[in-house]
């Protein structure tokens, strides 16, 4: 009980040279459009990369500036010492 595979007509398509030429032009046009899109995308990535670099520089500057600042607790200690010094100076003057 073997089943045979029947061949029904032509299963392969053949295209004329003109048709193939038109298809190849279409593929070429699509590839060119894709390449142009890639160029635009590359330019945008470059702009974003520059912005990120500037942001990193700004963050580094901010970190440095913050590291140079006095903490609140240290400031309060210095303020108390200054009040004591001012009181001592005013007492001597009076």
PDB file of N, CA and C in Angstrom:
ATOM      1  N   UNK A   1       0.800  -1.184   0.000  1.00  0.00           N
ATOM      2  CA  UNK A   1       0.000   0.000   0.000  1.00  0.00           C
ATOM      3  C   UNK A   1       0.851   1.259   0.000  1.00  0.00           C
ATOM      4  N   UNK A   2       1.491   1.409  -1.013  1.00  0.00           N
ATOM      5  CA  UNK A   2       2.307   2.594  -1.157  1.00  0.00           C
ATOM      6  C   UNK A   2       1.475   3.698  -1.771  1.00  0.00           C
ATOM      7  N   UNK A   3       1.723   4.868  -1.226  1.00  0.00           N
ATOM      8  CA  UNK A   3       1.050   6.013  -1.799  1.00  0.00           C
ATOM      9  C   UNK A   3       2.033   6.727  -2.723  1.00  0.00           C
ATOM     10  N   UNK A   4       1.631   7.040  -3.831  1.00  0.00           N
ATOM     11  CA  UNK A   4       2.486   7.721  -4.788  1.00  0.00           C
ATOM     12  C   UNK A   4       2.258   9.224  -4.727  1.00  0.00           C
ATOM     13  N   UNK A   5       3.298   9.932  -4.953  1.00  0.00           N
ATOM     14  CA  UNK A   5       3.195  11.378  -4.992  1.00  0.00           C
ATOM     15  C   UNK A   5       2.932  11.771  -6.439  1.00  0.00           C
ATOM     16  N   UNK A   6       1.832  12.458  -6.617  1.00  0.00           N
ATOM     17  CA  UNK A   6       1.485  12.869  -7.970  1.00  0.00           C
ATOM     18  C   UNK A   6       2.054  14.254  -8.256  1.00  0.00           C
ATOM     19  N   UNK A   7       2.604  14.418  -9.391  1.00  0.00           N
ATOM     20  CA  UNK A   7       3.098  15.720  -9.801  1.00  0.00           C
ATOM     21  C   UNK A   7       1.991  16.408 -10.570  1.00  0.00           C
ATOM     22  N   UNK A   8       1.619  17.552 -10.021  1.00  0.00           N
ATOM     23  CA  UNK A   8       0.533  18.270 -10.680  1.00  0.00           C
ATOM     24  C   UNK A   8       1.088  19.477 -11.420  1.00  0.00           C
ATOM     25  N   UNK A   9       1.343  19.363 -12.624  1.00  0.00           N
ATOM     26  CA  UNK A   9       1.799  20.471 -13.454  1.00  0.00           C
ATOM     27  C   UNK A   9       3.167  20.995 -13.056  1.00  0.00           C
ATOM     28  N   UNK A  10       3.388  22.224 -13.455  1.00  0.00           N
ATOM     29  CA  UNK A  10       4.664  22.873 -13.151  1.00  0.00           C
ATOM     30  C   UNK A  10       4.626  23.448 -11.743  1.00  0.00           C
ATOM     31  N   UNK A  11       5.576  23.096 -10.885  1.00  0.00           N
ATOM     32  CA  UNK A  11       5.617  23.635  -9.529  1.00  0.00           C
ATOM     33  C   UNK A  11       6.640  24.769  -9.415  1.00  0.00           C
ATOM     34  N   UNK A  12       7.527  24.894 -10.343  1.00  0.00           N
ATOM     35  CA  UNK A  12       8.537  25.942 -10.321  1.00  0.00           C
ATOM     36  C   UNK A  12       8.100  27.077 -11.228  1.00  0.00           C
ATOM     37  N   UNK A  13       8.291  28.318 -10.701  1.00  0.00           N
ATOM     38  CA  UNK A  13       7.953  29.475 -11.507  1.00  0.00           C
ATOM     39  C   UNK A  13       9.197  29.932 -12.244  1.00  0.00           C
ATOM     40  N   UNK A  14       8.987  30.439 -13.403  1.00  0.00           N
ATOM     41  CA  UNK A  14      10.106  31.036 -14.113  1.00  0.00           C
ATOM     42  C   UNK A  14       9.736  32.483 -14.419  1.00  0.00           C
ATOM     43  N   UNK A  15      10.720  33.334 -14.299  1.00  0.00           N
ATOM     44  CA  UNK A  15      10.501  34.761 -14.509  1.00  0.00           C
ATOM     45  C   UNK A  15      11.289  35.201 -15.731  1.00  0.00           C
ATOM     46  N   UNK A  16      10.744  36.195 -16.376  1.00  0.00           N
ATOM     47  CA  UNK A  16      11.458  36.732 -17.533  1.00  0.00           C
ATOM     48  C   UNK A  16      12.612  37.603 -17.045  1.00  0.00           C
ATOM     49  N   UNK A  17      13.520  37.900 -17.921  1.00  0.00           N
ATOM     50  CA  UNK A  17      14.679  38.726 -17.568  1.00  0.00           C
ATOM     51  C   UNK A  17      14.222  40.110 -17.130  1.00  0.00           C
ATOM     52  N   UNK A  18      13.215  40.653 -17.768  1.00  0.00           N
ATOM     53  CA  UNK A  18      12.694  41.969 -17.392  1.00  0.00           C
ATOM     54  C   UNK A  18      12.104  41.939 -15.988  1.00  0.00           C
ATOM     55  N   UNK A  19      11.361  40.878 -15.679  1.00  0.00           N
ATOM     56  CA  UNK A  19      10.753  40.761 -14.352  1.00  0.00           C
ATOM     57  C   UNK A  19      11.838  40.657 -13.269  1.00  0.00           C
ATOM     58  N   UNK A  20      12.853  39.886 -13.509  1.00  0.00           N
ATOM     59  CA  UNK A  20      13.961  39.746 -12.560  1.00  0.00           C
ATOM     60  C   UNK A  20      14.671  41.083 -12.392  1.00  0.00           C
ATOM     61  N   UNK A  21      14.852  41.799 -13.479  1.00  0.00           N
ATOM     62  CA  UNK A  21      15.506  43.102 -13.421  1.00  0.00           C
ATOM     63  C   UNK A  21      14.697  44.075 -12.557  1.00  0.00           C
ATOM     64  N   UNK A  22      13.370  44.060 -12.718  1.00  0.00           N
ATOM     65  CA  UNK A  22      12.509  44.935 -11.919  1.00  0.00           C
ATOM     66  C   UNK A  22      12.579  44.551 -10.445  1.00  0.00           C
ATOM     67  N   UNK A  23      12.573  43.264 -10.153  1.00  0.00           N
ATOM     68  CA  UNK A  23      12.661  42.813  -8.753  1.00  0.00           C
ATOM     69  C   UNK A  23      13.996  43.226  -8.136  1.00  0.00           C
ATOM     70  N   UNK A  24      15.080  43.104  -8.883  1.00  0.00           N
ATOM     71  CA  UNK A  24      16.395  43.490  -8.375  1.00  0.00           C
ATOM     72  C   UNK A  24      16.475  44.992  -8.141  1.00  0.00           C
ATOM     73  N   UNK A  25      15.862  45.790  -9.004  1.00  0.00           N
ATOM     74  CA  UNK A  25      15.823  47.238  -8.787  1.00  0.00           C
ATOM     75  C   UNK A  25      15.071  47.568  -7.504  1.00  0.00           C
ATOM     76  N   UNK A  26      13.970  46.851  -7.284  1.00  0.00           N
ATOM     77  CA  UNK A  26      13.181  47.078  -6.070  1.00  0.00           C
ATOM     78  C   UNK A  26      13.998  46.739  -4.821  1.00  0.00           C
ATOM     79  N   UNK A  27      14.714  45.642  -4.866  1.00  0.00           N
ATOM     80  CA  UNK A  27      15.559  45.246  -3.736  1.00  0.00           C
ATOM     81  C   UNK A  27      16.659  46.284  -3.518  1.00  0.00           C
ATOM     82  N   UNK A  28      17.259  46.758  -4.605  1.00  0.00           N
ATOM     83  CA  UNK A  28      18.304  47.777  -4.506  1.00  0.00           C
ATOM     84  C   UNK A  28      17.751  49.058  -3.886  1.00  0.00           C
ATOM     85  N   UNK A  29      16.564  49.478  -4.326  1.00  0.00           N
ATOM     86  CA  UNK A  29      15.942  50.682  -3.760  1.00  0.00           C
ATOM     87  C   UNK A  29      15.665  50.518  -2.273  1.00  0.00           C
ATOM     88  N   UNK A  30      15.192  49.339  -1.884  1.00  0.00           N
ATOM     89  CA  UNK A  30      14.931  49.090  -0.459  1.00  0.00           C
ATOM     90  C   UNK A  30      16.223  49.122   0.354  1.00  0.00           C
ATOM     91  N   UNK A  31      17.291  48.578  -0.194  1.00  0.00           N
ATOM     92  CA  UNK A  31      18.573  48.577   0.512  1.00  0.00           C
ATOM     93  C   UNK A  31      19.123  49.994   0.640  1.00  0.00           C
ATOM     94  N   UNK A  32      18.940  50.813  -0.395  1.00  0.00           N
ATOM     95  CA  UNK A  32      19.410  52.201  -0.326  1.00  0.00           C
ATOM     96  C   UNK A  32      18.619  52.965   0.739  1.00  0.00           C
ATOM     97  N   UNK A  33      17.308  52.741   0.789  1.00  0.00           N
ATOM     98  CA  UNK A  33      16.481  53.400   1.806  1.00  0.00           C
ATOM     99  C   UNK A  33      16.909  52.946   3.195  1.00  0.00           C
ATOM    100  N   UNK A  34      17.219  51.668   3.336  1.00  0.00           N
ATOM    101  CA  UNK A  34      17.681  51.138   4.613  1.00  0.00           C
ATOM    102  C   UNK A  34      19.002  51.793   5.014  1.00  0.00           C
ATOM    103  N   UNK A  35      19.922  51.923   4.056  1.00  0.00           N
ATOM    104  CA  UNK A  35      21.218  52.551   4.322  1.00  0.00           C
ATOM    105  C   UNK A  35      21.067  54.009   4.728  1.00  0.00           C
ATOM    106  N   UNK A  36      20.163  54.733   4.072  1.00  0.00           N
ATOM    107  CA  UNK A  36      19.925  56.133   4.431  1.00  0.00           C
ATOM    108  C   UNK A  36      19.362  56.229   5.848  1.00  0.00           C
ATOM    109  N   UNK A  37      18.481  55.311   6.185  1.00  0.00           N
ATOM    110  CA  UNK A  37      17.937  55.282   7.552  1.00  0.00           C
ATOM    111  C   UNK A  37      19.030  55.022   8.575  1.00  0.00           C
ATOM    112  N   UNK A  38      19.971  54.162   8.228  1.00  0.00           N
ATOM    113  CA  UNK A  38      21.087  53.862   9.118  1.00  0.00           C
ATOM    114  C   UNK A  38      21.974  55.089   9.307  1.00  0.00           C
ATOM    115  N   UNK A  39      22.159  55.869   8.236  1.00  0.00           N
ATOM    116  CA  UNK A  39      22.960  57.097   8.339  1.00  0.00           C
ATOM    117  C   UNK A  39      22.315  58.088   9.296  1.00  0.00           C
ATOM    118  N   UNK A  40      20.999  58.262   9.171  1.00  0.00           N
ATOM    119  CA  UNK A  40      20.274  59.185  10.056  1.00  0.00           C
ATOM    120  C   UNK A  40      20.373  58.703  11.496  1.00  0.00           C
ATOM    121  N   UNK A  41      20.194  57.410  11.687  1.00  0.00           N
ATOM    122  CA  UNK A  41      20.282  56.835  13.030  1.00  0.00           C
ATOM    123  C   UNK A  41      21.677  57.023  13.616  1.00  0.00           C
ATOM    124  N   UNK A  42      22.693  56.846  12.807  1.00  0.00           N
ATOM    125  CA  UNK A  42      24.076  57.020  13.271  1.00  0.00           C
ATOM    126  C   UNK A  42      24.318  58.455  13.715  1.00  0.00           C
ATOM    127  N   UNK A  43      23.793  59.433  12.953  1.00  0.00           N
ATOM    128  CA  UNK A  43      23.944  60.839  13.335  1.00  0.00           C
ATOM    129  C   UNK A  43      23.275  61.115  14.683  1.00  0.00           C
ATOM    130  N   UNK A  44      22.096  60.550  14.874  1.00  0.00           N
ATOM    131  CA  UNK A  44      21.378  60.754  16.142  1.00  0.00           C
ATOM    132  C   UNK A  44      22.139  60.138  17.310  1.00  0.00           C
ATOM    133  N   UNK A  45      22.723  58.971  17.088  1.00  0.00           N
ATOM    134  CA  UNK A  45      23.508  58.316  18.139  1.00  0.00           C
ATOM    135  C   UNK A  45      24.731  59.157  18.482  1.00  0.00           C
ATOM    136  N   UNK A  46      25.360  59.751  17.479  1.00  0.00           N
ATOM    137  CA  UNK A  46      26.525  60.611  17.729  1.00  0.00           C
ATOM    138  C   UNK A  46      26.136  61.816  18.580  1.00  0.00           C
ATOM    139  N   UNK A  47      24.991  62.431  18.266  1.00  0.00           N
ATOM    140  CA  UNK A  47      24.519  63.589  19.036  1.00  0.00           C
ATOM    141  C   UNK A  47      24.255  63.172  20.480  1.00  0.00           C
ATOM    142  N   UNK A  48      23.580  62.038  20.662  1.00  0.00           N
ATOM    143  CA  UNK A  48      23.300  61.556  22.019  1.00  0.00           C
ATOM    144  C   UNK A  48      24.577  61.221  22.769  1.00  0.00           C
ATOM    145  N   UNK A  49      25.545  60.661  22.075  1.00  0.00           N
ATOM    146  CA  UNK A  49      26.823  60.320  22.703  1.00  0.00           C
ATOM    147  C   UNK A  49      27.524  61.578  23.204  1.00  0.00           C
ATOM    148  N   UNK A  50      27.493  62.635  22.399  1.00  0.00           N
ATOM    149  CA  UNK A  50      28.093  63.905  22.830  1.00  0.00           C
ATOM    150  C   UNK A  50      27.384  64.453  24.061  1.00  0.00           C
ATOM    151  N   UNK A  51      26.061  64.368  24.067  1.00  0.00           N
ATOM    152  CA  UNK A  51      25.295  64.867  25.215  1.00  0.00           C
ATOM    153  C   UNK A  51      25.628  64.074  26.478  1.00  0.00           C
ATOM    154  N   UNK A  52      25.762  62.763  26.335  1.00  0.00           N
ATOM    155  CA  UNK A  52      26.091  61.915  27.484  1.00  0.00           C
ATOM    156  C   UNK A  52      27.483  62.265  28.008  1.00  0.00           C
ATOM    157  N   UNK A  53      28.418  62.492  27.096  1.00  0.00           N
ATOM    158  CA  UNK A  53      29.777  62.875  27.517  1.00  0.00           C
ATOM    159  C   UNK A  53      29.759  64.184  28.308  1.00  0.00           C
ATOM    160  N   UNK A  54      28.986  65.161  27.813  1.00  0.00           N
ATOM    161  CA  UNK A  54      28.894  66.441  28.529  1.00  0.00           C
ATOM    162  C   UNK A  54      28.245  66.251  29.896  1.00  0.00           C
ATOM    163  N   UNK A  55      27.225  65.398  29.950  1.00  0.00           N
ATOM    164  CA  UNK A  55      26.565  65.136  31.235  1.00  0.00           C
ATOM    165  C   UNK A  55      27.529  64.483  32.212  1.00  0.00           C
ATOM    166  N   UNK A  56      28.353  63.567  31.733  1.00  0.00           N
ATOM    167  CA  UNK A  56      29.332  62.925  32.611  1.00  0.00           C
ATOM    168  C   UNK A  56      30.334  63.936  33.146  1.00  0.00           C
ATOM    169  N   UNK A  57      30.753  64.870  32.291  1.00  0.00           N
ATOM    170  CA  UNK A  57      31.667  65.928  32.752  1.00  0.00           C
ATOM    171  C   UNK A  57      30.994  66.797  33.804  1.00  0.00           C
ATOM    172  N   UNK A  58      29.731  67.146  33.562  1.00  0.00           N
ATOM    173  CA  UNK A  58      28.986  67.962  34.526  1.00  0.00           C
ATOM    174  C   UNK A  58      28.839  67.239  35.861  1.00  0.00           C
ATOM    175  N   UNK A  59      28.547  65.950  35.811  1.00  0.00           N
ATOM    176  CA  UNK A  59      28.383  65.160  37.037  1.00  0.00           C
ATOM    177  C   UNK A  59      29.698  65.107  37.803  1.00  0.00           C
ATOM    178  N   UNK A  60      30.806  64.956  37.088  1.00  0.00           N
ATOM    179  CA  UNK A  60      32.123  64.940  37.734  1.00  0.00           C
ATOM    180  C   UNK A  60      32.374  66.274  38.431  1.00  0.00           C
ATOM    181  N   UNK A  61      32.053  67.390  37.755  1.00  0.00           N
ATOM    182  CA  UNK A  61      32.224  68.716  38.362  1.00  0.00           C
ATOM    183  C   UNK A  61      31.351  68.871  39.606  1.00  0.00           C
ATOM    184  N   UNK A  62      30.123  68.410  39.515  1.00  0.00           N
ATOM    185  CA  UNK A  62      29.197  68.510  40.658  1.00  0.00           C
ATOM    186  C   UNK A  62      29.709  67.688  41.832  1.00  0.00           C
ATOM    187  N   UNK A  63      30.177  66.470  41.563  1.00  0.00           N
ATOM    188  CA  UNK A  63      30.723  65.627  42.634  1.00  0.00           C
ATOM    189  C   UNK A  63      31.909  66.300  43.314  1.00  0.00           C
ATOM    190  N   UNK A  64      32.782  66.895  42.504  1.00  0.00           N
ATOM    191  CA  UNK A  64      33.950  67.573  43.075  1.00  0.00           C
ATOM    192  C   UNK A  64      33.502  68.747  43.947  1.00  0.00           C
ATOM    193  N   UNK A  65      32.569  69.538  43.437  1.00  0.00           N
ATOM    194  CA  UNK A  65      32.074  70.691  44.186  1.00  0.00           C
ATOM    195  C   UNK A  65      31.434  70.251  45.497  1.00  0.00           C
ATOM    196  N   UNK A  66      30.656  69.189  45.448  1.00  0.00           N
ATOM    197  CA  UNK A  66      30.013  68.692  46.667  1.00  0.00           C
ATOM    198  C   UNK A  66      31.021  68.146  47.659  1.00  0.00           C
ATOM    199  N   UNK A  67      32.082  67.539  47.152  1.00  0.00           N
ATOM    200  CA  UNK A  67      33.085  67.001  48.075  1.00  0.00           C
ATOM    201  C   UNK A  67      33.837  68.121  48.789  1.00  0.00           C
ATOM    202  N   UNK A  68      33.884  69.305  48.195  1.00  0.00           N
ATOM    203  CA  UNK A  68      34.561  70.451  48.803  1.00  0.00           C
ATOM    204  C   UNK A  68      33.682  71.159  49.837  1.00  0.00           C
ATOM    205  N   UNK A  69      32.409  70.874  49.866  1.00  0.00           N
ATOM    206  CA  UNK A  69      31.489  71.544  50.791  1.00  0.00           C
ATOM    207  C   UNK A  69      31.583  70.916  52.186  1.00  0.00           C
ATOM    208  N   UNK A  70      31.201  71.702  53.188  1.00  0.00           N
ATOM    209  CA  UNK A  70      31.212  71.241  54.569  1.00  0.00           C
ATOM    210  C   UNK A  70      29.867  70.586  54.871  1.00  0.00           C
ATOM    211  N   UNK A  71      29.905  69.475  55.596  1.00  0.00           N
ATOM    212  CA  UNK A  71      28.658  68.813  55.978  1.00  0.00           C
ATOM    213  C   UNK A  71      27.924  69.660  57.010  1.00  0.00           C
ATOM    214  N   UNK A  72      26.620  69.467  57.096  1.00  0.00           N
ATOM    215  CA  UNK A  72      25.781  70.252  58.004  1.00  0.00           C
ATOM    216  C   UNK A  72      26.234  70.108  59.456  1.00  0.00           C
ATOM    217  N   UNK A  73      26.563  68.895  59.878  1.00  0.00           N
ATOM    218  CA  UNK A  73      26.980  68.693  61.274  1.00  0.00           C
ATOM    219  C   UNK A  73      28.282  69.459  61.574  1.00  0.00           C
ATOM    220  N   UNK A  74      29.212  69.443  60.611  1.00  0.00           N
ATOM    221  CA  UNK A  74      30.457  70.184  60.793  1.00  0.00           C
ATOM    222  C   UNK A  74      30.181  71.683  60.844  1.00  0.00           C
ATOM    223  N   UNK A  75      29.263  72.146  59.996  1.00  0.00           N
ATOM    224  CA  UNK A  75      28.913  73.559  59.986  1.00  0.00           C
ATOM    225  C   UNK A  75      28.309  73.982  61.325  1.00  0.00           C
ATOM    226  N   UNK A  76      27.450  73.137  61.867  1.00  0.00           N
ATOM    227  CA  UNK A  76      26.828  73.469  63.155  1.00  0.00           C
ATOM    228  C   UNK A  76      27.877  73.558  64.259  1.00  0.00           C
ATOM    229  N   UNK A  77      28.861  72.664  64.256  1.00  0.00           N
ATOM    230  CA  UNK A  77      29.941  72.721  65.241  1.00  0.00           C
ATOM    231  C   UNK A  77      30.728  74.018  65.108  1.00  0.00           C
ATOM    232  N   UNK A  78      31.046  74.379  63.855  1.00  0.00           N
ATOM    233  CA  UNK A  78      31.786  75.623  63.633  1.00  0.00           C
ATOM    234  C   UNK A  78      30.960  76.845  64.052  1.00  0.00           C
ATOM    235  N   UNK A  79      29.673  76.794  63.816  1.00  0.00           N
ATOM    236  CA  UNK A  79      28.803  77.898  64.199  1.00  0.00           C
ATOM    237  C   UNK A  79      28.780  78.074  65.717  1.00  0.00           C
ATOM    238  N   UNK A  80      28.706  76.973  66.448  1.00  0.00           N
ATOM    239  CA  UNK A  80      28.719  77.036  67.919  1.00  0.00           C
ATOM    240  C   UNK A  80      30.049  77.611  68.415  1.00  0.00           C
ATOM    241  N   UNK A  81      31.150  77.184  67.813  1.00  0.00           N
ATOM    242  CA  UNK A  81      32.461  77.715  68.219  1.00  0.00           C
ATOM    243  C   UNK A  81      32.541  79.212  67.938  1.00  0.00           C
ATOM    244  N   UNK A  82      31.986  79.635  66.804  1.00  0.00           N
ATOM    245  CA  UNK A  82      32.010  81.057  66.451  1.00  0.00           C
ATOM    246  C   UNK A  82      31.202  81.882  67.447  1.00  0.00           C
ATOM    247  N   UNK A  83      30.067  81.358  67.880  1.00  0.00           N
ATOM    248  CA  UNK A  83      29.244  82.064  68.877  1.00  0.00           C
ATOM    249  C   UNK A  83      30.031  82.217  70.173  1.00  0.00           C
ATOM    250  N   UNK A  84      30.740  81.168  70.592  1.00  0.00           N
ATOM    251  CA  UNK A  84      31.545  81.244  71.810  1.00  0.00           C
ATOM    252  C   UNK A  84      32.642  82.295  71.668  1.00  0.00           C
ATOM    253  N   UNK A  85      33.306  82.320  70.526  1.00  0.00           N
ATOM    254  CA  UNK A  85      34.366  83.302  70.284  1.00  0.00           C
ATOM    255  C   UNK A  85      33.794  84.712  70.298  1.00  0.00           C
ATOM    256  N   UNK A  86      32.668  84.925  69.641  1.00  0.00           N
ATOM    257  CA  UNK A  86      32.036  86.252  69.617  1.00  0.00           C
ATOM    258  C   UNK A  86      31.662  86.706  71.026  1.00  0.00           C
ATOM    259  N   UNK A  87      31.124  85.788  71.823  1.00  0.00           N
ATOM    260  CA  UNK A  87      30.753  86.136  73.202  1.00  0.00           C
ATOM    261  C   UNK A  87      31.992  86.551  74.002  1.00  0.00           C
ATOM    262  N   UNK A  88      33.078  85.786  73.807  1.00  0.00           N
ATOM    263  CA  UNK A  88      34.308  86.093  74.531  1.00  0.00           C
ATOM    264  C   UNK A  88      34.853  87.466  74.115  1.00  0.00           C
ATOM    265  N   UNK A  89      34.771  87.795  72.869  1.00  0.00           N
ATOM    266  CA  UNK A  89      35.249  89.089  72.383  1.00  0.00           C
ATOM    267  C   UNK A  89      34.385  90.221  72.939  1.00  0.00           C
ATOM    268  N   UNK A  90      33.072  90.046  72.929  1.00  0.00           N
ATOM    269  CA  UNK A  90      32.172  91.079  73.422  1.00  0.00           C
ATOM    270  C   UNK A  90      32.321  91.274  74.930  1.00  0.00           C
ATOM    271  N   UNK A  91      32.604  90.208  75.676  1.00  0.00           N
ATOM    272  CA  UNK A  91      32.775  90.306  77.120  1.00  0.00           C
ATOM    273  C   UNK A  91      34.034  91.130  77.416  1.00  0.00           C
ATOM    274  N   UNK A  92      35.117  90.897  76.659  1.00  0.00           N
ATOM    275  CA  UNK A  92      36.344  91.625  76.879  1.00  0.00           C
ATOM    276  C   UNK A  92      36.183  93.107  76.562  1.00  0.00           C
ATOM    277  N   UNK A  93      35.363  93.443  75.569  1.00  0.00           N
ATOM    278  CA  UNK A  93      35.155  94.835  75.179  1.00  0.00           C
ATOM    279  C   UNK A  93      34.312  95.583  76.234  1.00  0.00           C
ATOM    280  N   UNK A  94      33.420  94.868  76.882  1.00  0.00           N
ATOM    281  CA  UNK A  94      32.517  95.548  77.811  1.00  0.00           C
ATOM    282  C   UNK A  94      33.133  95.836  79.143  1.00  0.00           C
TER     283      UNK A  94
END
